[in-house]
PDB file of N, CA and C in Angstrom:
ATOM      1  N   UNK A   1     -56.146  30.536  61.737  1.00  0.00           N
ATOM      2  CA  UNK A   1     -55.422  31.170  61.012  1.00  0.00           C
ATOM      3  C   UNK A   1     -55.318  32.827  60.901  1.00  0.00           C
ATOM      4  N   UNK A   2     -56.369  33.251  60.652  1.00  0.00           N
ATOM      5  CA  UNK A   2     -56.853  34.612  60.483  1.00  0.00           C
ATOM      6  C   UNK A   2     -55.812  35.421  62.030  1.00  0.00           C
ATOM      7  N   UNK A   3     -56.509  34.998  63.302  1.00  0.00           N
ATOM      8  CA  UNK A   3     -55.973  35.447  64.164  1.00  0.00           C
ATOM      9  C   UNK A   3     -54.674  35.928  64.210  1.00  0.00           C
ATOM     10  N   UNK A   4     -53.364  34.636  63.365  1.00  0.00           N
ATOM     11  CA  UNK A   4     -52.270  35.289  62.871  1.00  0.00           C
ATOM     12  C   UNK A   4     -52.014  36.340  62.146  1.00  0.00           C
ATOM     13  N   UNK A   5     -52.897  36.152  60.892  1.00  0.00           N
ATOM     14  CA  UNK A   5     -52.966  36.909  60.035  1.00  0.00           C
ATOM     15  C   UNK A   5     -53.395  38.878  60.716  1.00  0.00           C
ATOM     16  N   UNK A   6     -54.354  39.065  61.539  1.00  0.00           N
ATOM     17  CA  UNK A   6     -54.699  39.906  62.233  1.00  0.00           C
ATOM     18  C   UNK A   6     -53.710  40.529  62.690  1.00  0.00           C
ATOM     19  N   UNK A   7     -53.084  39.798  63.811  1.00  0.00           N
ATOM     20  CA  UNK A   7     -52.056  40.020  65.007  1.00  0.00           C
ATOM     21  C   UNK A   7     -50.556  40.575  63.833  1.00  0.00           C
ATOM     22  N   UNK A   8     -50.975  40.008  62.624  1.00  0.00           N
ATOM     23  CA  UNK A   8     -49.713  40.624  61.891  1.00  0.00           C
ATOM     24  C   UNK A   8     -49.746  41.666  61.188  1.00  0.00           C
ATOM     25  N   UNK A   9     -51.136  41.806  61.244  1.00  0.00           N
ATOM     26  CA  UNK A   9     -51.299  43.284  60.745  1.00  0.00           C
ATOM     27  C   UNK A   9     -51.212  44.308  61.430  1.00  0.00           C
ATOM     28  N   UNK A  10     -51.269  44.319  62.758  1.00  0.00           N
ATOM     29  CA  UNK A  10     -50.934  45.625  63.948  1.00  0.00           C
ATOM     30  C   UNK A  10     -49.610  45.205  63.816  1.00  0.00           C
ATOM     31  N   UNK A  11     -48.574  44.152  63.293  1.00  0.00           N
ATOM     32  CA  UNK A  11     -47.160  44.427  63.823  1.00  0.00           C
ATOM     33  C   UNK A  11     -46.456  45.127  62.517  1.00  0.00           C
ATOM     34  N   UNK A  12     -47.098  44.466  61.431  1.00  0.00           N
ATOM     35  CA  UNK A  12     -46.587  44.608  60.120  1.00  0.00           C
ATOM     36  C   UNK A  12     -47.166  44.348  59.125  1.00  0.00           C
ATOM     37  N   UNK A  13     -47.669  45.441  58.736  1.00  0.00           N
ATOM     38  CA  UNK A  13     -49.302  45.523  57.687  1.00  0.00           C
ATOM     39  C   UNK A  13     -48.859  44.025  56.584  1.00  0.00           C
ATOM     40  N   UNK A  14     -47.719  44.373  56.235  1.00  0.00           N
ATOM     41  CA  UNK A  14     -47.308  44.176  54.591  1.00  0.00           C
ATOM     42  C   UNK A  14     -47.228  42.282  54.898  1.00  0.00           C
ATOM     43  N   UNK A  15     -46.835  41.956  55.907  1.00  0.00           N
ATOM     44  CA  UNK A  15     -46.946  40.597  56.062  1.00  0.00           C
ATOM     45  C   UNK A  15     -48.031  39.898  56.055  1.00  0.00           C
ATOM     46  N   UNK A  16     -49.138  40.774  56.910  1.00  0.00           N
ATOM     47  CA  UNK A  16     -50.504  40.546  57.392  1.00  0.00           C
ATOM     48  C   UNK A  16     -51.420  40.164  55.608  1.00  0.00           C
ATOM     49  N   UNK A  17     -50.810  41.172  54.635  1.00  0.00           N
ATOM     50  CA  UNK A  17     -51.533  41.198  53.722  1.00  0.00           C
ATOM     51  C   UNK A  17     -50.776  39.885  52.318  1.00  0.00           C
ATOM     52  N   UNK A  18     -49.648  39.927  52.532  1.00  0.00           N
ATOM     53  CA  UNK A  18     -48.375  38.634  51.942  1.00  0.00           C
ATOM     54  C   UNK A  18     -49.199  37.290  51.962  1.00  0.00           C
ATOM     55  N   UNK A  19     -49.920  36.841  53.766  1.00  0.00           N
ATOM     56  CA  UNK A  19     -50.068  35.605  54.086  1.00  0.00           C
ATOM     57  C   UNK A  19     -51.503  35.474  53.401  1.00  0.00           C
ATOM     58  N   UNK A  20     -52.324  36.396  52.986  1.00  0.00           N
ATOM     59  CA  UNK A  20     -53.687  36.446  52.628  1.00  0.00           C
ATOM     60  C   UNK A  20     -53.707  36.443  51.259  1.00  0.00           C
ATOM     61  N   UNK A  21     -52.568  37.250  50.642  1.00  0.00           N
ATOM     62  CA  UNK A  21     -53.064  37.322  48.621  1.00  0.00           C
ATOM     63  C   UNK A  21     -51.898  37.285  48.282  1.00  0.00           C
ATOM     64  N   UNK A  22     -50.577  37.074  48.683  1.00  0.00           N
ATOM     65  CA  UNK A  22     -49.195  36.845  48.076  1.00  0.00           C
ATOM     66  C   UNK A  22     -48.834  38.219  47.426  1.00  0.00           C
ATOM     67  N   UNK A  23     -48.114  38.352  46.485  1.00  0.00           N
ATOM     68  CA  UNK A  23     -47.258  39.249  45.924  1.00  0.00           C
ATOM     69  C   UNK A  23     -48.509  39.992  44.686  1.00  0.00           C
ATOM     70  N   UNK A  24     -49.709  40.069  45.220  1.00  0.00           N
ATOM     71  CA  UNK A  24     -50.389  40.938  44.382  1.00  0.00           C
ATOM     72  C   UNK A  24     -50.302  42.420  44.339  1.00  0.00           C
ATOM     73  N   UNK A  25     -51.733  42.874  43.900  1.00  0.00           N
ATOM     74  CA  UNK A  25     -51.888  44.270  44.018  1.00  0.00           C
ATOM     75  C   UNK A  25     -51.900  45.099  45.191  1.00  0.00           C
ATOM     76  N   UNK A  26     -52.852  44.175  46.306  1.00  0.00           N
ATOM     77  CA  UNK A  26     -52.577  44.755  47.412  1.00  0.00           C
ATOM     78  C   UNK A  26     -51.802  44.699  48.283  1.00  0.00           C
ATOM     79  N   UNK A  27     -50.763  43.831  48.036  1.00  0.00           N
ATOM     80  CA  UNK A  27     -49.440  43.610  49.444  1.00  0.00           C
ATOM     81  C   UNK A  27     -48.809  44.798  48.552  1.00  0.00           C
ATOM     82  N   UNK A  28     -48.661  45.290  47.325  1.00  0.00           N
ATOM     83  CA  UNK A  28     -47.580  46.617  47.195  1.00  0.00           C
ATOM     84  C   UNK A  28     -48.366  48.051  47.274  1.00  0.00           C
ATOM     85  N   UNK A  29     -49.837  47.926  47.908  1.00  0.00           N
ATOM     86  CA  UNK A  29     -50.798  48.704  47.747  1.00  0.00           C
ATOM     87  C   UNK A  29     -49.962  48.947  49.827  1.00  0.00           C
ATOM     88  N   UNK A  30     -50.513  47.712  49.685  1.00  0.00           N
ATOM     89  CA  UNK A  30     -50.143  48.114  51.201  1.00  0.00           C
ATOM     90  C   UNK A  30     -49.056  48.406  51.769  1.00  0.00           C
ATOM     91  N   UNK A  31     -47.900  47.869  50.994  1.00  0.00           N
ATOM     92  CA  UNK A  31     -46.564  48.598  51.378  1.00  0.00           C
ATOM     93  C   UNK A  31     -46.171  50.119  51.425  1.00  0.00           C
ATOM     94  N   UNK A  32     -47.133  50.748  49.947  1.00  0.00           N
ATOM     95  CA  UNK A  32     -47.021  52.059  49.859  1.00  0.00           C
ATOM     96  C   UNK A  32     -47.828  53.141  51.056  1.00  0.00           C
ATOM     97  N   UNK A  33     -48.805  52.653  51.658  1.00  0.00           N
ATOM     98  CA  UNK A  33     -49.661  52.742  52.707  1.00  0.00           C
ATOM     99  C   UNK A  33     -49.083  52.821  53.709  1.00  0.00           C
ATOM    100  N   UNK A  34     -48.356  51.765  53.902  1.00  0.00           N
ATOM    101  CA  UNK A  34     -47.652  51.576  55.232  1.00  0.00           C
ATOM    102  C   UNK A  34     -46.383  52.643  55.421  1.00  0.00           C
ATOM    103  N   UNK A  35     -45.239  52.862  54.186  1.00  0.00           N
ATOM    104  CA  UNK A  35     -44.896  54.125  54.252  1.00  0.00           C
ATOM    105  C   UNK A  35     -45.640  55.301  54.542  1.00  0.00           C
ATOM    106  N   UNK A  36     -46.371  55.783  54.242  1.00  0.00           N
ATOM    107  CA  UNK A  36     -46.911  56.950  54.362  1.00  0.00           C
ATOM    108  C   UNK A  36     -47.353  57.383  55.354  1.00  0.00           C
ATOM    109  N   UNK A  37     -48.180  56.010  55.825  1.00  0.00           N
ATOM    110  CA  UNK A  37     -48.252  56.288  57.486  1.00  0.00           C
ATOM    111  C   UNK A  37     -49.022  54.958  57.920  1.00  0.00           C
ATOM    112  N   UNK A  38     -48.369  54.470  59.162  1.00  0.00           N
ATOM    113  CA  UNK A  38     -48.556  52.909  60.063  1.00  0.00           C
ATOM    114  C   UNK A  38     -50.098  52.638  59.933  1.00  0.00           C
ATOM    115  N   UNK A  39     -50.507  53.579  60.133  1.00  0.00           N
ATOM    116  CA  UNK A  39     -52.548  53.308  60.867  1.00  0.00           C
ATOM    117  C   UNK A  39     -53.166  53.155  59.094  1.00  0.00           C
ATOM    118  N   UNK A  40     -52.913  54.039  58.109  1.00  0.00           N
ATOM    119  CA  UNK A  40     -53.380  53.544  57.093  1.00  0.00           C
ATOM    120  C   UNK A  40     -52.824  52.025  56.388  1.00  0.00           C
ATOM    121  N   UNK A  41     -52.043  51.786  56.358  1.00  0.00           N
ATOM    122  CA  UNK A  41     -51.329  50.855  56.413  1.00  0.00           C
ATOM    123  C   UNK A  41     -52.065  49.298  57.424  1.00  0.00           C
ATOM    124  N   UNK A  42     -52.781  49.645  58.516  1.00  0.00           N
ATOM    125  CA  UNK A  42     -53.001  48.797  59.294  1.00  0.00           C
ATOM    126  C   UNK A  42     -54.383  48.500  58.791  1.00  0.00           C
ATOM    127  N   UNK A  43     -55.315  49.752  58.370  1.00  0.00           N
ATOM    128  CA  UNK A  43     -56.721  49.601  57.925  1.00  0.00           C
ATOM    129  C   UNK A  43     -56.920  48.482  57.012  1.00  0.00           C
ATOM    130  N   UNK A  44     -56.329  49.444  55.643  1.00  0.00           N
ATOM    131  CA  UNK A  44     -55.896  48.350  54.570  1.00  0.00           C
ATOM    132  C   UNK A  44     -55.439  47.125  54.666  1.00  0.00           C
ATOM    133  N   UNK A  45     -54.937  46.451  55.863  1.00  0.00           N
ATOM    134  CA  UNK A  45     -54.542  45.034  56.128  1.00  0.00           C
ATOM    135  C   UNK A  45     -55.544  44.400  56.425  1.00  0.00           C
ATOM    136  N   UNK A  46     -56.193  45.026  57.228  1.00  0.00           N
ATOM    137  CA  UNK A  46     -57.562  44.369  58.145  1.00  0.00           C
ATOM    138  C   UNK A  46     -58.067  44.052  56.950  1.00  0.00           C
ATOM    139  N   UNK A  47     -58.707  45.038  56.290  1.00  0.00           N
ATOM    140  CA  UNK A  47     -59.578  45.238  55.112  1.00  0.00           C
ATOM    141  C   UNK A  47     -59.610  43.948  54.683  1.00  0.00           C
ATOM    142  N   UNK A  48     -58.221  43.959  53.438  1.00  0.00           N
ATOM    143  CA  UNK A  48     -58.284  42.737  53.174  1.00  0.00           C
ATOM    144  C   UNK A  48     -58.001  41.563  53.584  1.00  0.00           C
ATOM    145  N   UNK A  49     -57.830  41.174  54.918  1.00  0.00           N
ATOM    146  CA  UNK A  49     -58.148  40.233  55.677  1.00  0.00           C
ATOM    147  C   UNK A  49     -59.565  39.785  56.450  1.00  0.00           C
ATOM    148  N   UNK A  50     -60.175  40.642  56.523  1.00  0.00           N
ATOM    149  CA  UNK A  50     -61.635  40.036  56.424  1.00  0.00           C
ATOM    150  C   UNK A  50     -62.352  40.279  55.496  1.00  0.00           C
ATOM    151  N   UNK A  51     -62.041  40.615  54.523  1.00  0.00           N
ATOM    152  CA  UNK A  51     -63.258  40.637  53.413  1.00  0.00           C
ATOM    153  C   UNK A  51     -63.325  39.515  52.673  1.00  0.00           C
ATOM    154  N   UNK A  52     -62.553  38.440  52.805  1.00  0.00           N
ATOM    155  CA  UNK A  52     -62.961  37.179  52.080  1.00  0.00           C
ATOM    156  C   UNK A  52     -64.149  36.904  52.880  1.00  0.00           C
TER     157      UNK A  52
END
């Protein structure tokens, strides 16, 4: 399942974070980071997914 989340993190970072933590702080933060730039959103999504 982590492989799917990691792939989603590259395609659409907020979706990967959503599948990991739901509608929490990290989800909304990831949307903000993705809107500021695609790369910060990916880095944050990977951090959230891999830190568990």
